[in-house]
């Protein structure tokens, strides 16, 4: 596994980011000065490039977490900096905006050698659980998105062939995560059940074990392990599933971190 333990990669990244900003700024200025009428296609192209670059950074973020977790205790790479965000988010403000705001304060090199852990009521993740949600024998990390005391979605981190992939699920796609990795799901009054995930490094798919779906005639149809079943057997399977112990959730807290409290205005 590749490890980065010095400040050189951070300096190189800062130089690349500055160069990119200057380049795009020059292009924007040229568009305004020399061809305002033809600016729309260029602006659209720059927007697409910016979104792709942002998504690439988000997909690479779990790999940085892996580097940090695998680092030797006490090493430069193992340092953690907690940023506790207090207050509530304004309309249209997301956790991404808070992170970019902090970056504007400390500069692109301000966090070199540290992993930043954002905590507080304004941040999206508050709990983590380890569960084998794809039933491959290796547990995945599941992060919860809370809002007003309820989970609104989950982020599943899975490692496959040395690469970490993040899969996002809405709350109704993963209900009541169990210790064995199974969970319930629901997309309607007659479309629900429980099962597990199939992860292929690109996307996720719910693999139903026991489920109910709406038939062509508008009535409920029940299935268990791929075979048709009656409602009594279906309800019994749901009761058995309910008795499975729940997954163990841990609150995201860090020991003895350096921290800075940032009030949200």
C-alpha atoms as a PDB file:
ATOM      1  CA  UNK A   1       0.000   0.000   0.000  1.00  0.00           C
ATOM      2  CA  UNK A   2       1.287   3.441  -0.919  1.00  0.00           C
ATOM      3  CA  UNK A   3       1.931   5.771   1.992  1.00  0.00           C
ATOM      4  CA  UNK A   4       2.597   9.503   2.037  1.00  0.00           C
ATOM      5  CA  UNK A   5       4.366  10.624   5.180  1.00  0.00           C
ATOM      6  CA  UNK A   6       6.003  13.949   4.243  1.00  0.00           C
ATOM      7  CA  UNK A   7       4.844  17.392   3.212  1.00  0.00           C
ATOM      8  CA  UNK A   8       6.036  17.197  -0.406  1.00  0.00           C
ATOM      9  CA  UNK A   9       2.743  15.843  -1.832  1.00  0.00           C
ATOM     10  CA  UNK A  10       0.855  18.681  -0.155  1.00  0.00           C
ATOM     11  CA  UNK A  11       3.155  21.313  -1.662  1.00  0.00           C
ATOM     12  CA  UNK A  12       2.842  19.750  -5.099  1.00  0.00           C
ATOM     13  CA  UNK A  13      -0.937  19.678  -4.781  1.00  0.00           C
ATOM     14  CA  UNK A  14      -0.959  23.354  -3.768  1.00  0.00           C
ATOM     15  CA  UNK A  15       1.129  24.284  -6.807  1.00  0.00           C
ATOM     16  CA  UNK A  16      -1.171  22.307  -9.123  1.00  0.00           C
ATOM     17  CA  UNK A  17      -4.288  23.866  -7.595  1.00  0.00           C
ATOM     18  CA  UNK A  18      -2.884  27.388  -7.916  1.00  0.00           C
ATOM     19  CA  UNK A  19      -1.863  26.762 -11.519  1.00  0.00           C
ATOM     20  CA  UNK A  20      -5.336  25.472 -12.352  1.00  0.00           C
ATOM     21  CA  UNK A  21      -7.015  28.493 -10.762  1.00  0.00           C
ATOM     22  CA  UNK A  22      -4.785  30.897 -12.686  1.00  0.00           C
ATOM     23  CA  UNK A  23      -5.416  28.995 -15.919  1.00  0.00           C
ATOM     24  CA  UNK A  24      -9.195  29.034 -15.557  1.00  0.00           C
ATOM     25  CA  UNK A  25      -9.136  32.638 -14.440  1.00  0.00           C
ATOM     26  CA  UNK A  26      -7.225  33.580 -17.587  1.00  0.00           C
ATOM     27  CA  UNK A  27      -9.729  31.694 -19.743  1.00  0.00           C
ATOM     28  CA  UNK A  28     -12.657  33.419 -18.052  1.00  0.00           C
ATOM     29  CA  UNK A  29     -11.068  36.827 -18.592  1.00  0.00           C
ATOM     30  CA  UNK A  30     -10.417  36.049 -22.256  1.00  0.00           C
ATOM     31  CA  UNK A  31     -14.049  34.995 -22.729  1.00  0.00           C
ATOM     32  CA  UNK A  32     -15.334  38.251 -21.271  1.00  0.00           C
ATOM     33  CA  UNK A  33     -12.922  40.462 -23.207  1.00  0.00           C
ATOM     34  CA  UNK A  34     -12.856  38.817 -26.616  1.00  0.00           C
ATOM     35  CA  UNK A  35     -16.106  36.911 -27.064  1.00  0.00           C
ATOM     36  CA  UNK A  36     -18.985  37.566 -24.691  1.00  0.00           C
ATOM     37  CA  UNK A  37     -21.547  36.364 -27.238  1.00  0.00           C
ATOM     38  CA  UNK A  38     -19.902  32.937 -27.465  1.00  0.00           C
ATOM     39  CA  UNK A  39     -19.257  32.628 -23.725  1.00  0.00           C
ATOM     40  CA  UNK A  40     -22.023  30.141 -22.903  1.00  0.00           C
ATOM     41  CA  UNK A  41     -20.411  26.994 -24.434  1.00  0.00           C
ATOM     42  CA  UNK A  42     -17.117  27.813 -22.738  1.00  0.00           C
ATOM     43  CA  UNK A  43     -18.766  28.447 -19.383  1.00  0.00           C
ATOM     44  CA  UNK A  44     -20.651  25.156 -19.679  1.00  0.00           C
ATOM     45  CA  UNK A  45     -17.450  23.305 -20.535  1.00  0.00           C
ATOM     46  CA  UNK A  46     -15.612  24.837 -17.580  1.00  0.00           C
ATOM     47  CA  UNK A  47     -18.517  23.923 -15.305  1.00  0.00           C
ATOM     48  CA  UNK A  48     -18.406  20.274 -16.422  1.00  0.00           C
ATOM     49  CA  UNK A  49     -14.636  20.138 -15.883  1.00  0.00           C
ATOM     50  CA  UNK A  50     -14.988  21.650 -12.408  1.00  0.00           C
ATOM     51  CA  UNK A  51     -17.709  19.164 -11.388  1.00  0.00           C
ATOM     52  CA  UNK A  52     -15.655  16.204 -12.617  1.00  0.00           C
ATOM     53  CA  UNK A  53     -12.610  17.465 -10.700  1.00  0.00           C
ATOM     54  CA  UNK A  54     -14.709  17.846  -7.536  1.00  0.00           C
ATOM     55  CA  UNK A  55     -16.147  14.331  -7.895  1.00  0.00           C
ATOM     56  CA  UNK A  56     -12.654  12.901  -8.423  1.00  0.00           C
ATOM     57  CA  UNK A  57     -11.568  14.505  -5.171  1.00  0.00           C
ATOM     58  CA  UNK A  58     -14.585  13.125  -3.296  1.00  0.00           C
ATOM     59  CA  UNK A  59     -13.957   9.607  -4.612  1.00  0.00           C
ATOM     60  CA  UNK A  60     -10.303   9.831  -3.563  1.00  0.00           C
ATOM     61  CA  UNK A  61     -11.167  10.955  -0.031  1.00  0.00           C
ATOM     62  CA  UNK A  62     -11.855   7.417   1.337  1.00  0.00           C
ATOM     63  CA  UNK A  63      -8.394   6.360   0.149  1.00  0.00           C
ATOM     64  CA  UNK A  64      -6.885   9.115   2.323  1.00  0.00           C
ATOM     65  CA  UNK A  65      -8.820   7.688   5.274  1.00  0.00           C
ATOM     66  CA  UNK A  66      -7.249   4.289   4.555  1.00  0.00           C
ATOM     67  CA  UNK A  67      -3.757   5.828   4.525  1.00  0.00           C
ATOM     68  CA  UNK A  68      -4.473   7.474   7.860  1.00  0.00           C
ATOM     69  CA  UNK A  69      -5.884   4.319   9.477  1.00  0.00           C
ATOM     70  CA  UNK A  70      -2.892   2.240   8.314  1.00  0.00           C
ATOM     71  CA  UNK A  71      -0.287   4.715   9.559  1.00  0.00           C
ATOM     72  CA  UNK A  72       1.965   3.879  12.492  1.00  0.00           C
ATOM     73  CA  UNK A  73       0.724   5.458  15.767  1.00  0.00           C
ATOM     74  CA  UNK A  74       2.644   8.630  16.542  1.00  0.00           C
ATOM     75  CA  UNK A  75       3.847   9.154  12.969  1.00  0.00           C
ATOM     76  CA  UNK A  76       3.287  12.363  11.042  1.00  0.00           C
ATOM     77  CA  UNK A  77       0.661  10.668   8.919  1.00  0.00           C
ATOM     78  CA  UNK A  78      -1.345   9.589  11.969  1.00  0.00           C
ATOM     79  CA  UNK A  79      -1.997  13.119  13.239  1.00  0.00           C
ATOM     80  CA  UNK A  80      -5.652  14.108  13.569  1.00  0.00           C
ATOM     81  CA  UNK A  81      -7.008  17.664  13.667  1.00  0.00           C
ATOM     82  CA  UNK A  82     -10.607  18.019  14.861  1.00  0.00           C
ATOM     83  CA  UNK A  83     -12.703  20.915  13.629  1.00  0.00           C
ATOM     84  CA  UNK A  84     -15.886  21.225  15.704  1.00  0.00           C
ATOM     85  CA  UNK A  85     -18.556  23.207  13.877  1.00  0.00           C
ATOM     86  CA  UNK A  86     -21.176  24.666  16.235  1.00  0.00           C
ATOM     87  CA  UNK A  87     -24.520  26.203  15.337  1.00  0.00           C
ATOM     88  CA  UNK A  88     -26.923  25.387  12.515  1.00  0.00           C
ATOM     89  CA  UNK A  89     -26.488  25.621   8.764  1.00  0.00           C
ATOM     90  CA  UNK A  90     -28.130  28.448   6.864  1.00  0.00           C
ATOM     91  CA  UNK A  91     -30.389  27.896   3.887  1.00  0.00           C
ATOM     92  CA  UNK A  92     -28.434  26.436   0.977  1.00  0.00           C
ATOM     93  CA  UNK A  93     -25.269  25.871   3.049  1.00  0.00           C
ATOM     94  CA  UNK A  94     -23.847  22.340   3.099  1.00  0.00           C
ATOM     95  CA  UNK A  95     -20.979  20.614   4.888  1.00  0.00           C
ATOM     96  CA  UNK A  96     -18.928  21.045   1.723  1.00  0.00           C
ATOM     97  CA  UNK A  97     -19.288  24.846   2.026  1.00  0.00           C
ATOM     98  CA  UNK A  98     -18.031  24.715   5.628  1.00  0.00           C
ATOM     99  CA  UNK A  99     -14.976  22.731   4.610  1.00  0.00           C
ATOM    100  CA  UNK A 100     -14.214  25.119   1.754  1.00  0.00           C
ATOM    101  CA  UNK A 101     -14.626  28.034   4.173  1.00  0.00           C
ATOM    102  CA  UNK A 102     -12.042  26.539   6.529  1.00  0.00           C
ATOM    103  CA  UNK A 103      -9.715  25.954   3.576  1.00  0.00           C
ATOM    104  CA  UNK A 104     -10.017  29.632   2.702  1.00  0.00           C
ATOM    105  CA  UNK A 105      -8.929  30.493   6.258  1.00  0.00           C
ATOM    106  CA  UNK A 106      -5.899  28.246   6.619  1.00  0.00           C
ATOM    107  CA  UNK A 107      -4.800  27.954   2.978  1.00  0.00           C
ATOM    108  CA  UNK A 108      -4.281  24.833   0.885  1.00  0.00           C
ATOM    109  CA  UNK A 109      -1.153  23.900   2.860  1.00  0.00           C
ATOM    110  CA  UNK A 110      -2.623  24.522   6.321  1.00  0.00           C
ATOM    111  CA  UNK A 111      -3.526  20.894   6.902  1.00  0.00           C
ATOM    112  CA  UNK A 112      -0.362  19.258   5.583  1.00  0.00           C
ATOM    113  CA  UNK A 113       0.500  16.202   7.676  1.00  0.00           C
ATOM    114  CA  UNK A 114      -2.926  15.964   9.333  1.00  0.00           C
ATOM    115  CA  UNK A 115      -6.243  14.244   8.761  1.00  0.00           C
ATOM    116  CA  UNK A 116      -9.113  16.648   9.473  1.00  0.00           C
ATOM    117  CA  UNK A 117     -12.103  15.272  11.402  1.00  0.00           C
ATOM    118  CA  UNK A 118     -15.128  17.563  11.190  1.00  0.00           C
ATOM    119  CA  UNK A 119     -17.534  17.197  14.104  1.00  0.00           C
ATOM    120  CA  UNK A 120     -20.408  19.136  15.642  1.00  0.00           C
ATOM    121  CA  UNK A 121     -24.136  19.372  15.041  1.00  0.00           C
ATOM    122  CA  UNK A 122     -23.644  21.029  11.648  1.00  0.00           C
ATOM    123  CA  UNK A 123     -21.705  18.114  10.124  1.00  0.00           C
ATOM    124  CA  UNK A 124     -23.386  15.192   8.324  1.00  0.00           C
ATOM    125  CA  UNK A 125     -21.785  12.102   9.886  1.00  0.00           C
ATOM    126  CA  UNK A 126     -22.255  11.335  13.564  1.00  0.00           C
ATOM    127  CA  UNK A 127     -22.027   7.509  13.830  1.00  0.00           C
ATOM    128  CA  UNK A 128     -20.219   4.605  12.252  1.00  0.00           C
ATOM    129  CA  UNK A 129     -20.892   0.867  12.227  1.00  0.00           C
ATOM    130  CA  UNK A 130     -18.967  -2.104  10.892  1.00  0.00           C
ATOM    131  CA  UNK A 131     -21.163  -4.677   9.165  1.00  0.00           C
ATOM    132  CA  UNK A 132     -20.721  -7.182   6.362  1.00  0.00           C
ATOM    133  CA  UNK A 133     -23.426  -5.621   4.183  1.00  0.00           C
ATOM    134  CA  UNK A 134     -22.415  -7.572   1.058  1.00  0.00           C
ATOM    135  CA  UNK A 135     -21.962 -10.902   2.904  1.00  0.00           C
ATOM    136  CA  UNK A 136     -18.458 -11.488   1.508  1.00  0.00           C
ATOM    137  CA  UNK A 137     -16.894 -12.211   4.900  1.00  0.00           C
ATOM    138  CA  UNK A 138     -15.289  -8.765   5.282  1.00  0.00           C
ATOM    139  CA  UNK A 139     -17.133  -5.980   7.124  1.00  0.00           C
ATOM    140  CA  UNK A 140     -17.703  -2.590   5.511  1.00  0.00           C
ATOM    141  CA  UNK A 141     -17.800   0.786   7.252  1.00  0.00           C
ATOM    142  CA  UNK A 142     -21.262   2.377   7.303  1.00  0.00           C
ATOM    143  CA  UNK A 143     -21.566   6.099   8.114  1.00  0.00           C
ATOM    144  CA  UNK A 144     -24.912   7.629   9.083  1.00  0.00           C
ATOM    145  CA  UNK A 145     -26.335  10.983   7.902  1.00  0.00           C
ATOM    146  CA  UNK A 146     -28.542  12.344  10.736  1.00  0.00           C
ATOM    147  CA  UNK A 147     -31.019  15.200  10.419  1.00  0.00           C
ATOM    148  CA  UNK A 148     -33.226  16.327  13.319  1.00  0.00           C
ATOM    149  CA  UNK A 149     -32.613  13.048  15.126  1.00  0.00           C
ATOM    150  CA  UNK A 150     -33.363  10.783  12.151  1.00  0.00           C
ATOM    151  CA  UNK A 151     -31.019   9.067   9.708  1.00  0.00           C
ATOM    152  CA  UNK A 152     -31.582  10.483   6.208  1.00  0.00           C
ATOM    153  CA  UNK A 153     -29.026   8.286   4.441  1.00  0.00           C
ATOM    154  CA  UNK A 154     -25.890   6.179   4.712  1.00  0.00           C
ATOM    155  CA  UNK A 155     -22.442   6.036   3.169  1.00  0.00           C
ATOM    156  CA  UNK A 156     -20.928   2.554   2.783  1.00  0.00           C
ATOM    157  CA  UNK A 157     -17.135   2.336   2.417  1.00  0.00           C
ATOM    158  CA  UNK A 158     -15.912  -0.890   0.817  1.00  0.00           C
ATOM    159  CA  UNK A 159     -12.405  -1.990  -0.086  1.00  0.00           C
ATOM    160  CA  UNK A 160     -12.050  -4.083  -3.232  1.00  0.00           C
ATOM    161  CA  UNK A 161      -8.688  -5.034  -4.749  1.00  0.00           C
ATOM    162  CA  UNK A 162      -6.827  -2.302  -2.879  1.00  0.00           C
ATOM    163  CA  UNK A 163      -9.324   0.413  -3.764  1.00  0.00           C
ATOM    164  CA  UNK A 164     -11.890   2.021  -1.453  1.00  0.00           C
ATOM    165  CA  UNK A 165     -15.267   2.895  -2.981  1.00  0.00           C
ATOM    166  CA  UNK A 166     -18.036   4.911  -1.320  1.00  0.00           C
ATOM    167  CA  UNK A 167     -21.677   3.955  -1.956  1.00  0.00           C
ATOM    168  CA  UNK A 168     -24.478   6.315  -0.932  1.00  0.00           C
ATOM    169  CA  UNK A 169     -27.926   5.050   0.070  1.00  0.00           C
ATOM    170  CA  UNK A 170     -31.032   6.964   1.049  1.00  0.00           C
ATOM    171  CA  UNK A 171     -32.639   6.171   4.398  1.00  0.00           C
ATOM    172  CA  UNK A 172     -35.440   3.954   3.015  1.00  0.00           C
ATOM    173  CA  UNK A 173     -32.872   1.841   1.151  1.00  0.00           C
ATOM    174  CA  UNK A 174     -31.239   0.726   4.414  1.00  0.00           C
ATOM    175  CA  UNK A 175     -33.550   0.446   7.418  1.00  0.00           C
ATOM    176  CA  UNK A 176     -32.558  -1.223  10.676  1.00  0.00           C
ATOM    177  CA  UNK A 177     -29.053  -2.436   9.837  1.00  0.00           C
ATOM    178  CA  UNK A 178     -28.395  -5.768  11.574  1.00  0.00           C
ATOM    179  CA  UNK A 179     -25.201  -7.234  13.011  1.00  0.00           C
ATOM    180  CA  UNK A 180     -25.111  -9.879  10.256  1.00  0.00           C
ATOM    181  CA  UNK A 181     -25.096  -7.177   7.543  1.00  0.00           C
ATOM    182  CA  UNK A 182     -28.699  -7.585   6.428  1.00  0.00           C
ATOM    183  CA  UNK A 183     -31.200  -4.727   6.539  1.00  0.00           C
ATOM    184  CA  UNK A 184     -34.755  -3.845   5.607  1.00  0.00           C
ATOM    185  CA  UNK A 185     -35.766  -1.578   2.734  1.00  0.00           C
ATOM    186  CA  UNK A 186     -38.992  -0.009   1.491  1.00  0.00           C
ATOM    187  CA  UNK A 187     -40.046   1.810  -1.672  1.00  0.00           C
ATOM    188  CA  UNK A 188     -43.793   1.644  -1.080  1.00  0.00           C
ATOM    189  CA  UNK A 189     -46.618   0.132   0.936  1.00  0.00           C
ATOM    190  CA  UNK A 190     -46.419  -3.143  -1.019  1.00  0.00           C
ATOM    191  CA  UNK A 191     -42.780  -2.964  -2.127  1.00  0.00           C
ATOM    192  CA  UNK A 192     -40.511  -3.794   0.780  1.00  0.00           C
ATOM    193  CA  UNK A 193     -38.492  -6.551   2.401  1.00  0.00           C
ATOM    194  CA  UNK A 194     -34.995  -7.263   3.662  1.00  0.00           C
ATOM    195  CA  UNK A 195     -31.743  -8.335   2.069  1.00  0.00           C
ATOM    196  CA  UNK A 196     -28.127  -7.303   1.574  1.00  0.00           C
ATOM    197  CA  UNK A 197     -25.981  -5.301  -0.875  1.00  0.00           C
ATOM    198  CA  UNK A 198     -24.096  -6.354  -3.990  1.00  0.00           C
ATOM    199  CA  UNK A 199     -21.055  -4.089  -4.491  1.00  0.00           C
ATOM    200  CA  UNK A 200     -18.995  -4.155  -7.699  1.00  0.00           C
ATOM    201  CA  UNK A 201     -16.680  -1.158  -7.285  1.00  0.00           C
ATOM    202  CA  UNK A 202     -18.944   1.055  -9.393  1.00  0.00           C
ATOM    203  CA  UNK A 203     -22.467   0.833  -8.003  1.00  0.00           C
ATOM    204  CA  UNK A 204     -24.558  -0.938  -5.384  1.00  0.00           C
ATOM    205  CA  UNK A 205     -27.653  -3.081  -5.742  1.00  0.00           C
ATOM    206  CA  UNK A 206     -29.994  -4.416  -3.087  1.00  0.00           C
ATOM    207  CA  UNK A 207     -30.227  -8.205  -3.219  1.00  0.00           C
ATOM    208  CA  UNK A 208     -33.596  -9.128  -1.659  1.00  0.00           C
ATOM    209  CA  UNK A 209     -33.865 -12.241   0.511  1.00  0.00           C
ATOM    210  CA  UNK A 210     -37.490 -11.942   1.559  1.00  0.00           C
ATOM    211  CA  UNK A 211     -39.667  -9.321  -0.073  1.00  0.00           C
ATOM    212  CA  UNK A 212     -43.083  -8.151  -1.178  1.00  0.00           C
ATOM    213  CA  UNK A 213     -43.820  -6.432  -4.484  1.00  0.00           C
ATOM    214  CA  UNK A 214     -46.839  -5.159  -6.382  1.00  0.00           C
ATOM    215  CA  UNK A 215     -48.113  -7.634  -8.975  1.00  0.00           C
ATOM    216  CA  UNK A 216     -49.509  -6.816 -12.398  1.00  0.00           C
ATOM    217  CA  UNK A 217     -53.025  -7.035 -11.005  1.00  0.00           C
ATOM    218  CA  UNK A 218     -52.223  -4.521  -8.254  1.00  0.00           C
ATOM    219  CA  UNK A 219     -52.124  -7.074  -5.433  1.00  0.00           C
ATOM    220  CA  UNK A 220     -49.193  -7.879  -3.155  1.00  0.00           C
ATOM    221  CA  UNK A 221     -46.958 -10.804  -4.110  1.00  0.00           C
ATOM    222  CA  UNK A 222     -44.590 -12.383  -1.589  1.00  0.00           C
ATOM    223  CA  UNK A 223     -41.230 -14.069  -2.134  1.00  0.00           C
ATOM    224  CA  UNK A 224     -38.671 -15.867   0.041  1.00  0.00           C
ATOM    225  CA  UNK A 225     -35.219 -16.835  -1.307  1.00  0.00           C
ATOM    226  CA  UNK A 226     -36.449 -16.248  -4.848  1.00  0.00           C
ATOM    227  CA  UNK A 227     -39.534 -18.462  -4.567  1.00  0.00           C
ATOM    228  CA  UNK A 228     -43.179 -17.388  -4.205  1.00  0.00           C
ATOM    229  CA  UNK A 229     -44.569 -17.492  -0.654  1.00  0.00           C
ATOM    230  CA  UNK A 230     -47.798 -16.646   1.117  1.00  0.00           C
ATOM    231  CA  UNK A 231     -48.390 -13.676   3.425  1.00  0.00           C
ATOM    232  CA  UNK A 232     -48.201 -15.785   6.592  1.00  0.00           C
ATOM    233  CA  UNK A 233     -44.714 -17.079   5.753  1.00  0.00           C
ATOM    234  CA  UNK A 234     -43.662 -13.565   4.742  1.00  0.00           C
ATOM    235  CA  UNK A 235     -44.796 -12.012   8.029  1.00  0.00           C
ATOM    236  CA  UNK A 236     -43.079 -14.804   9.994  1.00  0.00           C
ATOM    237  CA  UNK A 237     -39.807 -14.136   8.142  1.00  0.00           C
ATOM    238  CA  UNK A 238     -40.096 -10.437   9.016  1.00  0.00           C
ATOM    239  CA  UNK A 239     -40.494 -11.310  12.713  1.00  0.00           C
ATOM    240  CA  UNK A 240     -37.423 -13.567  12.579  1.00  0.00           C
ATOM    241  CA  UNK A 241     -35.467 -10.754  10.901  1.00  0.00           C
ATOM    242  CA  UNK A 242     -36.593  -8.305  13.583  1.00  0.00           C
ATOM    243  CA  UNK A 243     -35.072 -10.566  16.261  1.00  0.00           C
ATOM    244  CA  UNK A 244     -31.603 -10.430  14.689  1.00  0.00           C
ATOM    245  CA  UNK A 245     -29.350  -8.218  16.884  1.00  0.00           C
ATOM    246  CA  UNK A 246     -28.830  -4.729  15.475  1.00  0.00           C
ATOM    247  CA  UNK A 247     -25.487  -3.468  14.233  1.00  0.00           C
ATOM    248  CA  UNK A 248     -23.291  -1.799  16.848  1.00  0.00           C
ATOM    249  CA  UNK A 249     -23.088   1.922  16.110  1.00  0.00           C
ATOM    250  CA  UNK A 250     -20.210   3.995  17.504  1.00  0.00           C
ATOM    251  CA  UNK A 251     -20.301   7.758  17.957  1.00  0.00           C
ATOM    252  CA  UNK A 252     -17.604   9.519  15.945  1.00  0.00           C
ATOM    253  CA  UNK A 253     -15.339  10.943  18.657  1.00  0.00           C
ATOM    254  CA  UNK A 254     -11.567  11.365  18.600  1.00  0.00           C
ATOM    255  CA  UNK A 255      -9.250  11.166  21.599  1.00  0.00           C
ATOM    256  CA  UNK A 256      -7.169  14.210  22.534  1.00  0.00           C
ATOM    257  CA  UNK A 257      -7.476  16.050  19.225  1.00  0.00           C
ATOM    258  CA  UNK A 258      -6.384  19.577  18.478  1.00  0.00           C
ATOM    259  CA  UNK A 259      -9.521  21.482  17.628  1.00  0.00           C
ATOM    260  CA  UNK A 260     -10.926  24.819  16.570  1.00  0.00           C
ATOM    261  CA  UNK A 261     -14.554  25.785  17.153  1.00  0.00           C
ATOM    262  CA  UNK A 262     -16.097  27.631  14.234  1.00  0.00           C
ATOM    263  CA  UNK A 263     -19.403  29.378  14.907  1.00  0.00           C
ATOM    264  CA  UNK A 264     -21.879  29.219  12.021  1.00  0.00           C
ATOM    265  CA  UNK A 265     -23.350  32.620  11.226  1.00  0.00           C
END
